Amino acid sequence: LWDRSIILKDDEKREEFRWIQYRAQYAKGEARAQITFSDAVMPYLTQLQGQFTRVVIKNISRLSRSYSIRIYELLQQFRSTGERIIALDDFRSMLDIEHKYQTYKSLNQQLLRPCIDELNKKSDLAVTVETIKKGRTVVALHFRFKEDKQIKMTI
């Protein structure tokens, strides 16, 4: 948590700041930790008022890939529509992989396809993804998903 930062971007600027002011304190023998948020992040936390996505832990508890969990969160933000289009650069930023998987081919083979497979097998979502191209270059991902209420069992 200490090394993580929050990045806010709009058309004119990009702002990055730490969200924890100083290291967390852990109470030994107790199941709790105390953290102090930085002053820069406080206005965003106090203005949430229902503008957040709730994720049911049981729906992601069987996922072993951290990127699968992150993609699940990104899709859940659009659960009312069942689809989401994400520019490839934004997708890389949202997963904090701007400097990994330099080609779409490697991103697809090593991250995207395995994560979509895992989501389909182990979560409550049925997910498909299609590429959006400009010429021969992939520029965005079009996710379509729906809730799959059938219990998925591994054998």
C-alpha atoms as a PDB file:
ATOM      1  CA  LEU A   1       0.000   0.000   0.000  1.00  0.00           C
ATOM      2  CA  TRP A   2       2.819   2.374   0.830  1.00  0.00           C
ATOM      3  CA  ASP A   3       4.208   2.360  -2.696  1.00  0.00           C
ATOM      4  CA  ARG A   4       0.845   2.799  -4.413  1.00  0.00           C
ATOM      5  CA  SER A   5      -0.278   6.174  -5.663  1.00  0.00           C
ATOM      6  CA  ILE A   6      -3.434   7.747  -7.026  1.00  0.00           C
ATOM      7  CA  ILE A   7      -3.333   9.205 -10.519  1.00  0.00           C
ATOM      8  CA  LEU A   8      -5.931  11.721 -11.674  1.00  0.00           C
ATOM      9  CA  LYS A   9      -5.971  12.578 -15.365  1.00  0.00           C
ATOM     10  CA  ASP A  10      -7.985  14.908 -17.500  1.00  0.00           C
ATOM     11  CA  ASP A  11      -7.339  16.570 -20.854  1.00  0.00           C
ATOM     12  CA  GLU A  12      -5.083  19.292 -19.451  1.00  0.00           C
ATOM     13  CA  LYS A  13      -3.116  17.662 -16.632  1.00  0.00           C
ATOM     14  CA  ARG A  14      -2.022  14.519 -14.847  1.00  0.00           C
ATOM     15  CA  GLU A  15      -1.742  14.551 -11.066  1.00  0.00           C
ATOM     16  CA  GLU A  16      -0.168  11.807  -8.958  1.00  0.00           C
ATOM     17  CA  PHE A  17      -0.025  11.576  -5.174  1.00  0.00           C
ATOM     18  CA  ARG A  18       0.336   9.060  -2.387  1.00  0.00           C
ATOM     19  CA  TRP A  19      -2.834   8.068  -0.653  1.00  0.00           C
ATOM     20  CA  ILE A  20      -1.226   7.112   2.671  1.00  0.00           C
ATOM     21  CA  GLN A  21       0.466   9.875   4.667  1.00  0.00           C
ATOM     22  CA  TYR A  22       2.827   7.634   6.576  1.00  0.00           C
ATOM     23  CA  ARG A  23       3.278   3.933   7.080  1.00  0.00           C
ATOM     24  CA  ALA A  24       0.416   1.911   8.458  1.00  0.00           C
ATOM     25  CA  GLN A  25       0.402   0.737  12.057  1.00  0.00           C
ATOM     26  CA  TYR A  26      -0.444  -2.897  12.649  1.00  0.00           C
ATOM     27  CA  ALA A  27      -1.794  -4.059  15.988  1.00  0.00           C
ATOM     28  CA  LYS A  28       0.045  -7.302  16.749  1.00  0.00           C
ATOM     29  CA  GLY A  29      -2.319 -10.125  17.609  1.00  0.00           C
ATOM     30  CA  GLU A  30      -5.347  -8.186  16.379  1.00  0.00           C
ATOM     31  CA  ALA A  31      -6.945  -8.341  12.971  1.00  0.00           C
ATOM     32  CA  ARG A  32      -6.689  -4.627  12.289  1.00  0.00           C
ATOM     33  CA  ALA A  33      -4.444  -1.951  10.878  1.00  0.00           C
ATOM     34  CA  GLN A  34      -4.506   1.812  11.237  1.00  0.00           C
ATOM     35  CA  ILE A  35      -3.591   4.067   8.338  1.00  0.00           C
ATOM     36  CA  THR A  36      -3.623   7.821   7.946  1.00  0.00           C
ATOM     37  CA  PHE A  37      -4.731   9.113   4.563  1.00  0.00           C
ATOM     38  CA  SER A  38      -2.801  11.976   3.002  1.00  0.00           C
ATOM     39  CA  ASP A  39      -4.377  15.417   2.945  1.00  0.00           C
ATOM     40  CA  ALA A  40      -4.475  15.311  -0.871  1.00  0.00           C
ATOM     41  CA  VAL A  41      -6.753  12.253  -0.950  1.00  0.00           C
ATOM     42  CA  MET A  42      -9.202  13.309   1.779  1.00  0.00           C
ATOM     43  CA  PRO A  43     -11.492  15.452  -0.420  1.00  0.00           C
ATOM     44  CA  TYR A  44     -12.024  12.481  -2.734  1.00  0.00           C
ATOM     45  CA  LEU A  45     -12.813  10.106   0.121  1.00  0.00           C
ATOM     46  CA  THR A  46     -15.295  12.464   1.748  1.00  0.00           C
ATOM     47  CA  GLN A  47     -17.125  13.094  -1.547  1.00  0.00           C
ATOM     48  CA  LEU A  48     -17.764   9.427  -2.399  1.00  0.00           C
ATOM     49  CA  GLN A  49     -21.396   9.377  -1.179  1.00  0.00           C
ATOM     50  CA  GLY A  50     -22.516   6.354  -3.157  1.00  0.00           C
ATOM     51  CA  GLN A  51     -20.247   6.911  -6.151  1.00  0.00           C
ATOM     52  CA  PHE A  52     -18.367   3.662  -5.744  1.00  0.00           C
ATOM     53  CA  THR A  53     -18.574   0.107  -6.949  1.00  0.00           C
ATOM     54  CA  ARG A  54     -19.427  -2.604  -4.485  1.00  0.00           C
ATOM     55  CA  VAL A  55     -17.783  -5.979  -5.113  1.00  0.00           C
ATOM     56  CA  VAL A  56     -19.073  -9.094  -3.396  1.00  0.00           C
ATOM     57  CA  ILE A  57     -16.022 -10.931  -2.063  1.00  0.00           C
ATOM     58  CA  LYS A  58     -17.464 -14.385  -2.717  1.00  0.00           C
ATOM     59  CA  ASN A  59     -17.638 -13.517  -6.434  1.00  0.00           C
ATOM     60  CA  ILE A  60     -13.891 -12.887  -6.647  1.00  0.00           C
ATOM     61  CA  SER A  61     -12.535 -15.100  -3.861  1.00  0.00           C
ATOM     62  CA  ARG A  62     -11.667 -17.937  -6.247  1.00  0.00           C
ATOM     63  CA  LEU A  63      -9.712 -15.689  -8.609  1.00  0.00           C
ATOM     64  CA  SER A  64      -5.964 -16.215  -8.341  1.00  0.00           C
ATOM     65  CA  ARG A  65      -4.769 -13.520 -10.738  1.00  0.00           C
ATOM     66  CA  SER A  66      -4.688  -9.972  -9.410  1.00  0.00           C
ATOM     67  CA  TYR A  67      -5.373  -8.651 -12.920  1.00  0.00           C
ATOM     68  CA  SER A  68      -8.521 -10.806 -13.098  1.00  0.00           C
ATOM     69  CA  ILE A  69      -9.764  -9.115  -9.940  1.00  0.00           C
ATOM     70  CA  ARG A  70      -8.978  -5.669 -11.346  1.00  0.00           C
ATOM     71  CA  ILE A  71     -10.754  -6.420 -14.636  1.00  0.00           C
ATOM     72  CA  TYR A  72     -13.737  -7.706 -12.636  1.00  0.00           C
ATOM     73  CA  GLU A  73     -13.841  -4.392 -10.732  1.00  0.00           C
ATOM     74  CA  LEU A  74     -13.632  -2.405 -13.980  1.00  0.00           C
ATOM     75  CA  LEU A  75     -16.506  -4.369 -15.480  1.00  0.00           C
ATOM     76  CA  GLN A  76     -18.664  -4.122 -12.352  1.00  0.00           C
ATOM     77  CA  GLN A  77     -18.598  -0.334 -12.699  1.00  0.00           C
ATOM     78  CA  PHE A  78     -20.758  -0.853 -15.821  1.00  0.00           C
ATOM     79  CA  ARG A  79     -22.891  -3.753 -14.599  1.00  0.00           C
ATOM     80  CA  SER A  80     -26.103  -1.899 -15.480  1.00  0.00           C
ATOM     81  CA  THR A  81     -25.169  -1.811 -19.189  1.00  0.00           C
ATOM     82  CA  GLY A  82     -23.298  -5.111 -19.453  1.00  0.00           C
ATOM     83  CA  GLU A  83     -20.621  -3.664 -21.680  1.00  0.00           C
ATOM     84  CA  ARG A  84     -17.625  -1.409 -21.477  1.00  0.00           C
ATOM     85  CA  ILE A  85     -15.242  -0.004 -24.055  1.00  0.00           C
ATOM     86  CA  ILE A  86     -11.794   0.909 -22.761  1.00  0.00           C
ATOM     87  CA  ALA A  87      -9.062   2.539 -24.846  1.00  0.00           C
ATOM     88  CA  LEU A  88      -6.000   0.290 -24.809  1.00  0.00           C
ATOM     89  CA  ASP A  89      -3.797   3.012 -23.276  1.00  0.00           C
ATOM     90  CA  ASP A  90      -6.381   3.575 -20.532  1.00  0.00           C
ATOM     91  CA  PHE A  91      -6.623  -0.180 -19.922  1.00  0.00           C
ATOM     92  CA  ARG A  92      -2.844  -0.376 -19.476  1.00  0.00           C
ATOM     93  CA  SER A  93      -2.994   2.568 -17.068  1.00  0.00           C
ATOM     94  CA  MET A  94      -5.915   1.121 -15.089  1.00  0.00           C
ATOM     95  CA  LEU A  95      -3.972  -2.117 -14.583  1.00  0.00           C
ATOM     96  CA  ASP A  96      -0.697  -0.254 -13.937  1.00  0.00           C
ATOM     97  CA  ILE A  97       1.040  -2.102 -16.777  1.00  0.00           C
ATOM     98  CA  GLU A  98       2.112   0.817 -18.972  1.00  0.00           C
ATOM     99  CA  HIS A  99       5.647  -0.569 -19.287  1.00  0.00           C
ATOM    100  CA  LYS A 100       4.767  -4.264 -19.510  1.00  0.00           C
ATOM    101  CA  TYR A 101       3.414  -6.268 -22.449  1.00  0.00           C
ATOM    102  CA  GLN A 102       4.687  -3.842 -25.079  1.00  0.00           C
ATOM    103  CA  THR A 103       2.709  -5.439 -27.914  1.00  0.00           C
ATOM    104  CA  TYR A 104      -0.985  -6.213 -27.975  1.00  0.00           C
ATOM    105  CA  LYS A 105      -0.111  -9.799 -28.883  1.00  0.00           C
ATOM    106  CA  SER A 106       1.841 -10.300 -25.644  1.00  0.00           C
ATOM    107  CA  LEU A 107      -0.815  -8.466 -23.608  1.00  0.00           C
ATOM    108  CA  ASN A 108      -3.516 -10.685 -25.077  1.00  0.00           C
ATOM    109  CA  GLN A 109      -1.623 -13.972 -24.697  1.00  0.00           C
ATOM    110  CA  GLN A 110      -0.085 -13.411 -21.276  1.00  0.00           C
ATOM    111  CA  LEU A 111      -2.692 -11.313 -19.481  1.00  0.00           C
ATOM    112  CA  LEU A 112      -6.020 -10.675 -21.179  1.00  0.00           C
ATOM    113  CA  ARG A 113      -6.942 -14.155 -22.422  1.00  0.00           C
ATOM    114  CA  PRO A 114      -5.918 -15.935 -19.179  1.00  0.00           C
ATOM    115  CA  CYS A 115      -7.834 -13.372 -17.093  1.00  0.00           C
ATOM    116  CA  ILE A 116     -10.991 -13.620 -19.207  1.00  0.00           C
ATOM    117  CA  ASP A 117     -10.778 -17.429 -19.010  1.00  0.00           C
ATOM    118  CA  GLU A 118     -10.413 -17.233 -15.235  1.00  0.00           C
ATOM    119  CA  LEU A 119     -13.342 -14.821 -14.904  1.00  0.00           C
ATOM    120  CA  ASN A 120     -15.534 -17.122 -16.988  1.00  0.00           C
ATOM    121  CA  LYS A 121     -14.557 -20.212 -14.999  1.00  0.00           C
ATOM    122  CA  LYS A 122     -14.367 -18.854 -11.452  1.00  0.00           C
ATOM    123  CA  SER A 123     -16.511 -15.721 -11.107  1.00  0.00           C
ATOM    124  CA  ASP A 124     -20.174 -14.861 -11.431  1.00  0.00           C
ATOM    125  CA  LEU A 125     -19.587 -13.155 -14.793  1.00  0.00           C
ATOM    126  CA  ALA A 126     -19.682 -14.475 -18.349  1.00  0.00           C
ATOM    127  CA  VAL A 127     -17.260 -12.211 -20.233  1.00  0.00           C
ATOM    128  CA  THR A 128     -16.300 -11.738 -23.876  1.00  0.00           C
ATOM    129  CA  VAL A 129     -13.870  -9.198 -25.275  1.00  0.00           C
ATOM    130  CA  GLU A 130     -13.424  -7.913 -28.808  1.00  0.00           C
ATOM    131  CA  THR A 131     -10.771  -5.604 -30.177  1.00  0.00           C
ATOM    132  CA  ILE A 132     -11.469  -2.254 -31.775  1.00  0.00           C
ATOM    133  CA  LYS A 133      -8.907  -1.400 -34.426  1.00  0.00           C
ATOM    134  CA  LYS A 134      -7.736   1.675 -36.250  1.00  0.00           C
ATOM    135  CA  GLY A 135      -6.245   0.219 -39.383  1.00  0.00           C
ATOM    136  CA  ARG A 136      -4.312  -2.821 -38.175  1.00  0.00           C
ATOM    137  CA  THR A 137      -3.611  -1.409 -34.707  1.00  0.00           C
ATOM    138  CA  VAL A 138      -5.716  -2.367 -31.689  1.00  0.00           C
ATOM    139  CA  VAL A 139      -6.846   0.876 -30.024  1.00  0.00           C
ATOM    140  CA  ALA A 140      -9.551  -0.303 -27.605  1.00  0.00           C
ATOM    141  CA  LEU A 141     -11.176  -3.305 -25.970  1.00  0.00           C
ATOM    142  CA  HIS A 142     -14.921  -3.892 -26.035  1.00  0.00           C
ATOM    143  CA  PHE A 143     -15.996  -6.018 -23.079  1.00  0.00           C
ATOM    144  CA  ARG A 144     -19.452  -7.577 -22.978  1.00  0.00           C
ATOM    145  CA  PHE A 145     -20.517  -9.368 -19.837  1.00  0.00           C
ATOM    146  CA  LYS A 146     -23.502 -10.647 -17.970  1.00  0.00           C
ATOM    147  CA  GLU A 147     -24.100 -12.151 -14.593  1.00  0.00           C
ATOM    148  CA  ASP A 148     -23.904 -15.936 -14.683  1.00  0.00           C
ATOM    149  CA  LYS A 149     -25.897 -17.165 -11.699  1.00  0.00           C
ATOM    150  CA  GLN A 150     -25.006 -20.815 -12.289  1.00  0.00           C
ATOM    151  CA  ILE A 151     -22.538 -22.040  -9.671  1.00  0.00           C
ATOM    152  CA  LYS A 152     -19.173 -22.860 -11.238  1.00  0.00           C
ATOM    153  CA  MET A 153     -17.422 -25.898  -9.825  1.00  0.00           C
ATOM    154  CA  THR A 154     -13.883 -27.071 -10.465  1.00  0.00           C
ATOM    155  CA  ILE A 155     -13.258 -30.766 -10.834  1.00  0.00           C
END
